[in-house]
PDB file of all heavy atoms in Angstrom:
ATOM      1  N   LEU A   1     101.614  93.856 103.168  1.00  0.00           N
ATOM      2  CA  LEU A   1     102.164  95.193 103.366  1.00  0.00           C
ATOM      3  C   LEU A   1     101.693  96.136 102.265  1.00  0.00           C
ATOM      4  O   LEU A   1     101.903  97.339 102.351  1.00  0.00           O
ATOM      5  CB  LEU A   1     103.691  95.138 103.380  1.00  0.00           C
ATOM      6  CG  LEU A   1     104.307  94.293 104.498  1.00  0.00           C
ATOM      7  CD1 LEU A   1     105.816  94.216 104.328  1.00  0.00           C
ATOM      8  CD2 LEU A   1     103.943  94.842 105.858  1.00  0.00           C
ATOM      9  N   LEU A   2     101.070  95.572 101.253  1.00  0.00           N
ATOM     10  CA  LEU A   2     100.595  96.382 100.129  1.00  0.00           C
ATOM     11  C   LEU A   2      99.221  96.977 100.439  1.00  0.00           C
ATOM     12  O   LEU A   2      98.440  96.392 101.188  1.00  0.00           O
ATOM     13  CB  LEU A   2     100.516  95.529  98.863  1.00  0.00           C
ATOM     14  CG  LEU A   2     101.861  95.117  98.275  1.00  0.00           C
ATOM     15  CD1 LEU A   2     101.666  94.076  97.184  1.00  0.00           C
ATOM     16  CD2 LEU A   2     102.595  96.323  97.734  1.00  0.00           C
ATOM     17  N   PRO A   3      98.913  98.122  99.843  1.00  0.00           N
ATOM     18  CA  PRO A   3      97.595  98.729 100.054  1.00  0.00           C
ATOM     19  C   PRO A   3      96.515  97.953  99.302  1.00  0.00           C
ATOM     20  O   PRO A   3      96.794  96.933  98.665  1.00  0.00           O
ATOM     21  CB  PRO A   3      97.764 100.135  99.482  1.00  0.00           C
ATOM     22  CG  PRO A   3      98.777  99.963  98.405  1.00  0.00           C
ATOM     23  CD  PRO A   3      99.733  98.913  98.931  1.00  0.00           C
ATOM     24  N   SER A   4      95.323  98.477  99.306  1.00  0.00           N
ATOM     25  CA  SER A   4      94.197  97.838  98.620  1.00  0.00           C
ATOM     26  C   SER A   4      94.454  97.766  97.114  1.00  0.00           C
ATOM     27  O   SER A   4      95.291  98.502  96.579  1.00  0.00           O
ATOM     28  CB  SER A   4      92.912  98.629  98.873  1.00  0.00           C
ATOM     29  OG  SER A   4      92.997  99.885  98.206  1.00  0.00           O
ATOM     30  N   ASP A   5      93.716  96.909  96.451  1.00  0.00           N
ATOM     31  CA  ASP A   5      93.825  96.787  94.995  1.00  0.00           C
ATOM     32  C   ASP A   5      93.559  98.134  94.322  1.00  0.00           C
ATOM     33  O   ASP A   5      94.274  98.527  93.398  1.00  0.00           O
ATOM     34  CB  ASP A   5      92.840  95.747  94.460  1.00  0.00           C
ATOM     35  CG  ASP A   5      93.203  94.327  94.859  1.00  0.00           C
ATOM     36  OD1 ASP A   5      94.288  94.119  95.443  1.00  0.00           O
ATOM     37  OD2 ASP A   5      92.389  93.430  94.576  1.00  0.00           O
ATOM     38  N   ALA A   6      92.546  98.833  94.800  1.00  0.00           N
ATOM     39  CA  ALA A   6      92.198 100.127  94.203  1.00  0.00           C
ATOM     40  C   ALA A   6      93.361 101.111  94.325  1.00  0.00           C
ATOM     41  O   ALA A   6      93.677 101.836  93.377  1.00  0.00           O
ATOM     42  CB  ALA A   6      90.948 100.694  94.864  1.00  0.00           C
ATOM     43  N   GLU A   7      94.020 101.127  95.472  1.00  0.00           N
ATOM     44  CA  GLU A   7      95.160 102.039  95.671  1.00  0.00           C
ATOM     45  C   GLU A   7      96.330 101.642  94.772  1.00  0.00           C
ATOM     46  O   GLU A   7      97.010 102.493  94.198  1.00  0.00           O
ATOM     47  CB  GLU A   7      95.587 102.039  97.140  1.00  0.00           C
ATOM     48  CG  GLU A   7      96.680 103.029  97.452  1.00  0.00           C
ATOM     49  CD  GLU A   7      96.291 104.483  97.212  1.00  0.00           C
ATOM     50  OE1 GLU A   7      95.097 104.825  97.288  1.00  0.00           O
ATOM     51  OE2 GLU A   7      97.205 105.287  96.926  1.00  0.00           O
ATOM     52  N   LEU A   8      96.564 100.337  94.632  1.00  0.00           N
ATOM     53  CA  LEU A   8      97.626  99.874  93.740  1.00  0.00           C
ATOM     54  C   LEU A   8      97.364 100.323  92.303  1.00  0.00           C
ATOM     55  O   LEU A   8      98.276 100.758  91.600  1.00  0.00           O
ATOM     56  CB  LEU A   8      97.752  98.350  93.796  1.00  0.00           C
ATOM     57  CG  LEU A   8      98.493  97.779  94.983  1.00  0.00           C
ATOM     58  CD1 LEU A   8      98.441  96.258  94.947  1.00  0.00           C
ATOM     59  CD2 LEU A   8      99.920  98.278  95.038  1.00  0.00           C
ATOM     60  N   LEU A   9      96.124 100.202  91.871  1.00  0.00           N
ATOM     61  CA  LEU A   9      95.768 100.616  90.512  1.00  0.00           C
ATOM     62  C   LEU A   9      95.989 102.119  90.320  1.00  0.00           C
ATOM     63  O   LEU A   9      96.452 102.559  89.268  1.00  0.00           O
ATOM     64  CB  LEU A   9      94.323 100.241  90.198  1.00  0.00           C
ATOM     65  CG  LEU A   9      94.067  98.736  90.059  1.00  0.00           C
ATOM     66  CD1 LEU A   9      92.578  98.462  89.989  1.00  0.00           C
ATOM     67  CD2 LEU A   9      94.794  98.178  88.867  1.00  0.00           C
ATOM     68  N   LYS A  10      95.689 102.906  91.357  1.00  0.00           N
ATOM     69  CA  LYS A  10      95.920 104.351  91.275  1.00  0.00           C
ATOM     70  C   LYS A  10      97.409 104.657  91.148  1.00  0.00           C
ATOM     71  O   LYS A  10      97.812 105.526  90.375  1.00  0.00           O
ATOM     72  CB  LYS A  10      95.362 105.058  92.512  1.00  0.00           C
ATOM     73  CG  LYS A  10      93.860 105.139  92.547  1.00  0.00           C
ATOM     74  CD  LYS A  10      93.402 105.824  93.830  1.00  0.00           C
ATOM     75  CE  LYS A  10      91.909 105.727  94.012  1.00  0.00           C
ATOM     76  NZ  LYS A  10      91.483 106.270  95.307  1.00  0.00           N
ATOM     77  N   LEU A  11      98.233 103.946  91.906  1.00  0.00           N
ATOM     78  CA  LEU A  11      99.682 104.167  91.850  1.00  0.00           C
ATOM     79  C   LEU A  11     100.236 103.819  90.476  1.00  0.00           C
ATOM     80  O   LEU A  11     101.066 104.539  89.928  1.00  0.00           O
ATOM     81  CB  LEU A  11     100.383 103.354  92.945  1.00  0.00           C
ATOM     82  CG  LEU A  11     100.104 103.800  94.381  1.00  0.00           C
ATOM     83  CD1 LEU A  11     100.646 102.773  95.376  1.00  0.00           C
ATOM     84  CD2 LEU A  11     100.700 105.172  94.631  1.00  0.00           C
ATOM     85  N   GLU A  12      99.754 102.705  89.927  1.00  0.00           N
ATOM     86  CA  GLU A  12     100.215 102.304  88.594  1.00  0.00           C
ATOM     87  C   GLU A  12      99.751 103.314  87.550  1.00  0.00           C
ATOM     88  O   GLU A  12     100.505 103.695  86.657  1.00  0.00           O
ATOM     89  CB  GLU A  12      99.724 100.902  88.246  1.00  0.00           C
ATOM     90  CG  GLU A  12     100.331 100.385  86.950  1.00  0.00           C
ATOM     91  CD  GLU A  12      99.846  99.003  86.592  1.00  0.00           C
ATOM     92  OE1 GLU A  12      98.620  98.778  86.566  1.00  0.00           O
ATOM     93  OE2 GLU A  12     100.707  98.147  86.333  1.00  0.00           O
ATOM     94  N   ALA A  13      98.514 103.770  87.669  1.00  0.00           N
ATOM     95  CA  ALA A  13      97.989 104.763  86.727  1.00  0.00           C
ATOM     96  C   ALA A  13      98.757 106.078  86.822  1.00  0.00           C
ATOM     97  O   ALA A  13      98.877 106.813  85.840  1.00  0.00           O
ATOM     98  CB  ALA A  13      96.505 105.003  86.997  1.00  0.00           C
ATOM     99  N   ALA A  14      99.314 106.363  88.006  1.00  0.00           N
ATOM    100  CA  ALA A  14     100.105 107.580  88.190  1.00  0.00           C
ATOM    101  C   ALA A  14     101.502 107.442  87.596  1.00  0.00           C
ATOM    102  O   ALA A  14     102.280 108.398  87.602  1.00  0.00           O
ATOM    103  CB  ALA A  14     100.202 107.920  89.674  1.00  0.00           C
ATOM    104  N   GLY A  15     101.820 106.244  87.085  1.00  0.00           N
ATOM    105  CA  GLY A  15     103.089 106.056  86.391  1.00  0.00           C
ATOM    106  C   GLY A  15     104.167 105.363  87.193  1.00  0.00           C
ATOM    107  O   GLY A  15     105.296 105.231  86.729  1.00  0.00           O
ATOM    108  N   LEU A  16     103.871 104.916  88.408  1.00  0.00           N
ATOM    109  CA  LEU A  16     104.873 104.217  89.204  1.00  0.00           C
ATOM    110  C   LEU A  16     105.078 102.802  88.650  1.00  0.00           C
ATOM    111  O   LEU A  16     104.116 102.135  88.265  1.00  0.00           O
ATOM    112  CB  LEU A  16     104.444 104.125  90.672  1.00  0.00           C
ATOM    113  CG  LEU A  16     104.832 105.288  91.564  1.00  0.00           C
ATOM    114  CD1 LEU A  16     104.046 106.530  91.216  1.00  0.00           C
ATOM    115  CD2 LEU A  16     104.644 104.923  93.016  1.00  0.00           C
ATOM    116  N   THR A  17     106.335 102.370  88.627  1.00  0.00           N
ATOM    117  CA  THR A  17     106.641 101.003  88.208  1.00  0.00           C
ATOM    118  C   THR A  17     106.373 100.067  89.383  1.00  0.00           C
ATOM    119  O   THR A  17     106.252 100.505  90.538  1.00  0.00           O
ATOM    120  CB  THR A  17     108.112 100.861  87.784  1.00  0.00           C
ATOM    121  OG1 THR A  17     108.947 101.080  88.937  1.00  0.00           O
ATOM    122  CG2 THR A  17     108.476 101.833  86.672  1.00  0.00           C
ATOM    123  N   HIS A  18     106.349  98.788  89.109  1.00  0.00           N
ATOM    124  CA  HIS A  18     106.157  97.812  90.177  1.00  0.00           C
ATOM    125  C   HIS A  18     107.308  97.895  91.168  1.00  0.00           C
ATOM    126  O   HIS A  18     107.111  97.733  92.376  1.00  0.00           O
ATOM    127  CB  HIS A  18     106.028  96.406  89.598  1.00  0.00           C
ATOM    128  CG  HIS A  18     104.738  96.210  88.873  1.00  0.00           C
ATOM    129  ND1 HIS A  18     104.333  94.990  88.426  1.00  0.00           N
ATOM    130  CD2 HIS A  18     103.752  97.075  88.522  1.00  0.00           C
ATOM    131  CE1 HIS A  18     103.151  95.103  87.824  1.00  0.00           C
ATOM    132  NE2 HIS A  18     102.798  96.372  87.867  1.00  0.00           N
ATOM    133  N   ARG A  19     108.499  98.148  90.682  1.00  0.00           N
ATOM    134  CA  ARG A  19     109.666  98.282  91.559  1.00  0.00           C
ATOM    135  C   ARG A  19     109.478  99.471  92.499  1.00  0.00           C
ATOM    136  O   ARG A  19     109.726  99.373  93.703  1.00  0.00           O
ATOM    137  CB  ARG A  19     110.935  98.453  90.737  1.00  0.00           C
ATOM    138  CG  ARG A  19     112.206  98.544  91.598  1.00  0.00           C
ATOM    139  CD  ARG A  19     113.481  98.563  90.781  1.00  0.00           C
ATOM    140  NE  ARG A  19     113.546  97.593  89.723  1.00  0.00           N
ATOM    141  CZ  ARG A  19     113.768  96.276  89.871  1.00  0.00           C
ATOM    142  NH1 ARG A  19     113.959  95.788  91.068  1.00  0.00           N
ATOM    143  NH2 ARG A  19     113.815  95.475  88.828  1.00  0.00           N
ATOM    144  N   GLU A  20     109.030 100.596  91.965  1.00  0.00           N
ATOM    145  CA  GLU A  20     108.821 101.793  92.782  1.00  0.00           C
ATOM    146  C   GLU A  20     107.718 101.571  93.819  1.00  0.00           C
ATOM    147  O   GLU A  20     107.842 101.998  94.972  1.00  0.00           O
ATOM    148  CB  GLU A  20     108.499 102.994  91.896  1.00  0.00           C
ATOM    149  CG  GLU A  20     109.674 103.445  91.052  1.00  0.00           C
ATOM    150  CD  GLU A  20     109.293 104.420  89.948  1.00  0.00           C
ATOM    151  OE1 GLU A  20     108.117 104.423  89.500  1.00  0.00           O
ATOM    152  OE2 GLU A  20     110.187 105.181  89.525  1.00  0.00           O
ATOM    153  N   ILE A  21     106.657 100.904  93.415  1.00  0.00           N
ATOM    154  CA  ILE A  21     105.579 100.599  94.364  1.00  0.00           C
ATOM    155  C   ILE A  21     106.112  99.685  95.465  1.00  0.00           C
ATOM    156  O   ILE A  21     105.859  99.900  96.655  1.00  0.00           O
ATOM    157  CB  ILE A  21     104.368  99.958  93.652  1.00  0.00           C
ATOM    158  CG1 ILE A  21     103.724 100.964  92.686  1.00  0.00           C
ATOM    159  CG2 ILE A  21     103.342  99.457  94.669  1.00  0.00           C
ATOM    160  CD1 ILE A  21     102.677 100.360  91.758  1.00  0.00           C
ATOM    161  N   GLY A  22     106.877  98.677  95.068  1.00  0.00           N
ATOM    162  CA  GLY A  22     107.459  97.759  96.048  1.00  0.00           C
ATOM    163  C   GLY A  22     108.352  98.475  97.046  1.00  0.00           C
ATOM    164  O   GLY A  22     108.284  98.215  98.255  1.00  0.00           O
ATOM    165  N   GLU A  23     109.194  99.378  96.544  1.00  0.00           N
ATOM    166  CA  GLU A  23     110.068 100.137  97.438  1.00  0.00           C
ATOM    167  C   GLU A  23     109.252 100.983  98.404  1.00  0.00           C
ATOM    168  O   GLU A  23     109.582 101.079  99.588  1.00  0.00           O
ATOM    169  CB  GLU A  23     111.011 101.016  96.624  1.00  0.00           C
ATOM    170  CG  GLU A  23     112.084 100.226  95.899  1.00  0.00           C
ATOM    171  CD  GLU A  23     112.888 101.054  94.905  1.00  0.00           C
ATOM    172  OE1 GLU A  23     112.598 102.264  94.722  1.00  0.00           O
ATOM    173  OE2 GLU A  23     113.819 100.481  94.304  1.00  0.00           O
ATOM    174  N   GLN A  24     108.176 101.571  97.920  1.00  0.00           N
ATOM    175  CA  GLN A  24     107.333 102.424  98.762  1.00  0.00           C
ATOM    176  C   GLN A  24     106.722 101.638  99.921  1.00  0.00           C
ATOM    177  O   GLN A  24     106.572 102.158 101.027  1.00  0.00           O
ATOM    178  CB  GLN A  24     106.240 103.056  97.909  1.00  0.00           C
ATOM    179  CG  GLN A  24     105.364 104.041  98.648  1.00  0.00           C
ATOM    180  CD  GLN A  24     104.385 104.743  97.707  1.00  0.00           C
ATOM    181  OE1 GLN A  24     104.581 104.820  96.512  1.00  0.00           O
ATOM    182  NE2 GLN A  24     103.307 105.251  98.280  1.00  0.00           N
ATOM    183  N   PHE A  25     106.391 100.352  99.676  1.00  0.00           N
ATOM    184  CA  PHE A  25     105.728  99.546 100.698  1.00  0.00           C
ATOM    185  C   PHE A  25     106.643  98.461 101.270  1.00  0.00           C
ATOM    186  O   PHE A  25     106.182  97.554 101.970  1.00  0.00           O
ATOM    187  CB  PHE A  25     104.430  98.948 100.137  1.00  0.00           C
ATOM    188  CG  PHE A  25     103.411 100.000  99.837  1.00  0.00           C
ATOM    189  CD1 PHE A  25     103.272 100.507  98.553  1.00  0.00           C
ATOM    190  CD2 PHE A  25     102.623 100.534 100.854  1.00  0.00           C
ATOM    191  CE1 PHE A  25     102.359 101.505  98.274  1.00  0.00           C
ATOM    192  CE2 PHE A  25     101.700 101.531 100.588  1.00  0.00           C
ATOM    193  CZ  PHE A  25     101.568 102.021  99.302  1.00  0.00           C
ATOM    194  N   GLU A  26     107.932  98.559 100.950  1.00  0.00           N
ATOM    195  CA  GLU A  26     108.953  97.648 101.475  1.00  0.00           C
ATOM    196  C   GLU A  26     108.665  96.180 101.166  1.00  0.00           C
ATOM    197  O   GLU A  26     108.764  95.308 102.025  1.00  0.00           O
ATOM    198  CB  GLU A  26     109.152  97.878 102.973  1.00  0.00           C
ATOM    199  CG  GLU A  26     109.636  99.281 103.285  1.00  0.00           C
ATOM    200  CD  GLU A  26     109.837  99.539 104.765  1.00  0.00           C
ATOM    201  OE1 GLU A  26     109.399  98.712 105.599  1.00  0.00           O
ATOM    202  OE2 GLU A  26     110.422 100.586 105.090  1.00  0.00           O
ATOM    203  N   VAL A  27     108.290  95.947  99.896  1.00  0.00           N
ATOM    204  CA  VAL A  27     108.116  94.586  99.391  1.00  0.00           C
ATOM    205  C   VAL A  27     108.855  94.491  98.059  1.00  0.00           C
ATOM    206  O   VAL A  27     109.249  95.499  97.481  1.00  0.00           O
ATOM    207  CB  VAL A  27     106.619  94.206  99.199  1.00  0.00           C
ATOM    208  CG1 VAL A  27     105.876  94.266 100.531  1.00  0.00           C
ATOM    209  CG2 VAL A  27     105.947  95.083  98.176  1.00  0.00           C
ATOM    210  N   SER A  28     109.029  93.287  97.575  1.00  0.00           N
ATOM    211  CA  SER A  28     109.739  93.097  96.310  1.00  0.00           C
ATOM    212  C   SER A  28     108.878  93.508  95.117  1.00  0.00           C
ATOM    213  O   SER A  28     107.643  93.551  95.213  1.00  0.00           O
ATOM    214  CB  SER A  28     110.146  91.633  96.150  1.00  0.00           C
ATOM    215  OG  SER A  28     108.996  90.822  95.966  1.00  0.00           O
ATOM    216  N   ARG A  29     109.537  93.772  93.994  1.00  0.00           N
ATOM    217  CA  ARG A  29     108.830  94.041  92.744  1.00  0.00           C
ATOM    218  C   ARG A  29     107.969  92.840  92.381  1.00  0.00           C
ATOM    219  O   ARG A  29     106.840  92.965  91.919  1.00  0.00           O
ATOM    220  CB  ARG A  29     109.821  94.340  91.614  1.00  0.00           C
ATOM    221  CG  ARG A  29     109.091  94.578  90.282  1.00  0.00           C
ATOM    222  CD  ARG A  29     109.906  94.250  89.060  1.00  0.00           C
ATOM    223  NE  ARG A  29     110.608  93.004  89.067  1.00  0.00           N
ATOM    224  CZ  ARG A  29     110.112  91.828  88.651  1.00  0.00           C
ATOM    225  NH1 ARG A  29     108.862  91.732  88.246  1.00  0.00           N
ATOM    226  NH2 ARG A  29     110.860  90.749  88.652  1.00  0.00           N
ATOM    227  N   GLN A  30     108.493  91.640  92.634  1.00  0.00           N
ATOM    228  CA  GLN A  30     107.767  90.417  92.306  1.00  0.00           C
ATOM    229  C   GLN A  30     106.462  90.315  93.100  1.00  0.00           C
ATOM    230  O   GLN A  30     105.444  89.845  92.574  1.00  0.00           O
ATOM    231  CB  GLN A  30     108.639  89.180  92.568  1.00  0.00           C
ATOM    232  CG  GLN A  30     109.818  89.069  91.636  1.00  0.00           C
ATOM    233  CD  GLN A  30     111.050  89.814  92.109  1.00  0.00           C
ATOM    234  OE1 GLN A  30     110.998  90.656  93.001  1.00  0.00           O
ATOM    235  NE2 GLN A  30     112.193  89.520  91.490  1.00  0.00           N
ATOM    236  N   ALA A  31     106.486  90.766  94.362  1.00  0.00           N
ATOM    237  CA  ALA A  31     105.264  90.728  95.174  1.00  0.00           C
ATOM    238  C   ALA A  31     104.203  91.656  94.581  1.00  0.00           C
ATOM    239  O   ALA A  31     103.017  91.310  94.555  1.00  0.00           O
ATOM    240  CB  ALA A  31     105.581  91.129  96.613  1.00  0.00           C
ATOM    241  N   VAL A  32     104.637  92.811  94.101  1.00  0.00           N
ATOM    242  CA  VAL A  32     103.700  93.757  93.489  1.00  0.00           C
ATOM    243  C   VAL A  32     103.141  93.155  92.202  1.00  0.00           C
ATOM    244  O   VAL A  32     101.930  93.175  91.959  1.00  0.00           O
ATOM    245  CB  VAL A  32     104.376  95.117  93.228  1.00  0.00           C
ATOM    246  CG1 VAL A  32     103.427  96.057  92.494  1.00  0.00           C
ATOM    247  CG2 VAL A  32     104.855  95.737  94.537  1.00  0.00           C
ATOM    248  N   THR A  33     104.021  92.612  91.365  1.00  0.00           N
ATOM    249  CA  THR A  33     103.586  92.008  90.103  1.00  0.00           C
ATOM    250  C   THR A  33     102.625  90.856  90.357  1.00  0.00           C
ATOM    251  O   THR A  33     101.605  90.734  89.670  1.00  0.00           O
ATOM    252  CB  THR A  33     104.804  91.531  89.296  1.00  0.00           C
ATOM    253  OG1 THR A  33     105.630  92.664  89.001  1.00  0.00           O
ATOM    254  CG2 THR A  33     104.386  90.863  87.991  1.00  0.00           C
ATOM    255  N   LEU A  34     102.919  90.036  91.359  1.00  0.00           N
ATOM    256  CA  LEU A  34     102.030  88.919  91.696  1.00  0.00           C
ATOM    257  C   LEU A  34     100.653  89.442  92.081  1.00  0.00           C
ATOM    258  O   LEU A  34      99.630  88.901  91.653  1.00  0.00           O
ATOM    259  CB  LEU A  34     102.627  88.084  92.829  1.00  0.00           C
ATOM    260  CG  LEU A  34     101.770  86.916  93.312  1.00  0.00           C
ATOM    261  CD1 LEU A  34     101.547  85.902  92.193  1.00  0.00           C
ATOM    262  CD2 LEU A  34     102.431  86.251  94.507  1.00  0.00           C
ATOM    263  N   ARG A  35     100.616  90.503  92.850  1.00  0.00           N
ATOM    264  CA  ARG A  35      99.330  91.074  93.268  1.00  0.00           C
ATOM    265  C   ARG A  35      98.539  91.549  92.047  1.00  0.00           C
ATOM    266  O   ARG A  35      97.343  91.301  91.936  1.00  0.00           O
ATOM    267  CB  ARG A  35      99.594  92.222  94.231  1.00  0.00           C
ATOM    268  CG  ARG A  35      98.366  92.902  94.747  1.00  0.00           C
ATOM    269  CD  ARG A  35      97.616  92.059  95.810  1.00  0.00           C
ATOM    270  NE  ARG A  35      96.638  92.906  96.421  1.00  0.00           N
ATOM    271  CZ  ARG A  35      96.867  93.714  97.451  1.00  0.00           C
ATOM    272  NH1 ARG A  35      98.039  93.718  98.041  1.00  0.00           N
ATOM    273  NH2 ARG A  35      95.920  94.486  97.893  1.00  0.00           N
ATOM    274  N   PHE A  36      99.224  92.234  91.111  1.00  0.00           N
ATOM    275  CA  PHE A  36      98.538  92.685  89.898  1.00  0.00           C
ATOM    276  C   PHE A  36      98.074  91.495  89.065  1.00  0.00           C
ATOM    277  O   PHE A  36      96.970  91.510  88.514  1.00  0.00           O
ATOM    278  CB  PHE A  36      99.431  93.602  89.068  1.00  0.00           C
ATOM    279  CG  PHE A  36      99.395  95.038  89.503  1.00  0.00           C
ATOM    280  CD1 PHE A  36     100.352  95.530  90.380  1.00  0.00           C
ATOM    281  CD2 PHE A  36      98.408  95.896  89.049  1.00  0.00           C
ATOM    282  CE1 PHE A  36     100.321  96.854  90.789  1.00  0.00           C
ATOM    283  CE2 PHE A  36      98.362  97.219  89.449  1.00  0.00           C
ATOM    284  CZ  PHE A  36      99.323  97.695  90.327  1.00  0.00           C
ATOM    285  N   ASN A  37      98.903  90.467  88.977  1.00  0.00           N
ATOM    286  CA  ASN A  37      98.498  89.270  88.236  1.00  0.00           C
ATOM    287  C   ASN A  37      97.262  88.651  88.855  1.00  0.00           C
ATOM    288  O   ASN A  37      96.341  88.225  88.153  1.00  0.00           O
ATOM    289  CB  ASN A  37      99.632  88.247  88.197  1.00  0.00           C
ATOM    290  CG  ASN A  37     100.729  88.622  87.252  1.00  0.00           C
ATOM    291  OD1 ASN A  37     100.547  89.439  86.351  1.00  0.00           O
ATOM    292  ND2 ASN A  37     101.907  88.045  87.446  1.00  0.00           N
ATOM    293  N   ASN A  38      97.231  88.592  90.183  1.00  0.00           N
ATOM    294  CA  ASN A  38      96.075  88.013  90.871  1.00  0.00           C
ATOM    295  C   ASN A  38      94.815  88.857  90.684  1.00  0.00           C
ATOM    296  O   ASN A  38      93.712  88.332  90.702  1.00  0.00           O
ATOM    297  CB  ASN A  38      96.372  87.830  92.365  1.00  0.00           C
ATOM    298  CG  ASN A  38      97.348  86.714  92.615  1.00  0.00           C
ATOM    299  OD1 ASN A  38      97.520  85.823  91.783  1.00  0.00           O
ATOM    300  ND2 ASN A  38      98.015  86.751  93.747  1.00  0.00           N
ATOM    301  N   MET A  39      95.004  90.168  90.502  1.00  0.00           N
ATOM    302  CA  MET A  39      93.853  91.040  90.247  1.00  0.00           C
ATOM    303  C   MET A  39      93.317  90.831  88.840  1.00  0.00           C
ATOM    304  O   MET A  39      92.178  91.160  88.555  1.00  0.00           O
ATOM    305  CB  MET A  39      94.253  92.524  90.378  1.00  0.00           C
ATOM    306  CG  MET A  39      94.302  93.044  91.768  1.00  0.00           C
ATOM    307  SD  MET A  39      94.483  94.835  91.736  1.00  0.00           S
ATOM    308  CE  MET A  39      96.252  95.009  91.682  1.00  0.00           C
ATOM    309  N   GLY A  40      94.172  90.334  87.938  1.00  0.00           N
ATOM    310  CA  GLY A  40      93.774  90.176  86.545  1.00  0.00           C
ATOM    311  C   GLY A  40      93.603  91.505  85.846  1.00  0.00           C
ATOM    312  O   GLY A  40      92.829  91.625  84.903  1.00  0.00           O
TER     313      GLY A  40
END
């Protein structure tokens, strides 16, 4: 349910927390954090 890695990086750079990103895409904060961890 999450966007591309590039879009996630843009959202984080814009100052959104993992929780806020998760809420935007209706996934948990942990799912967002896992995705960032997998991106390295």
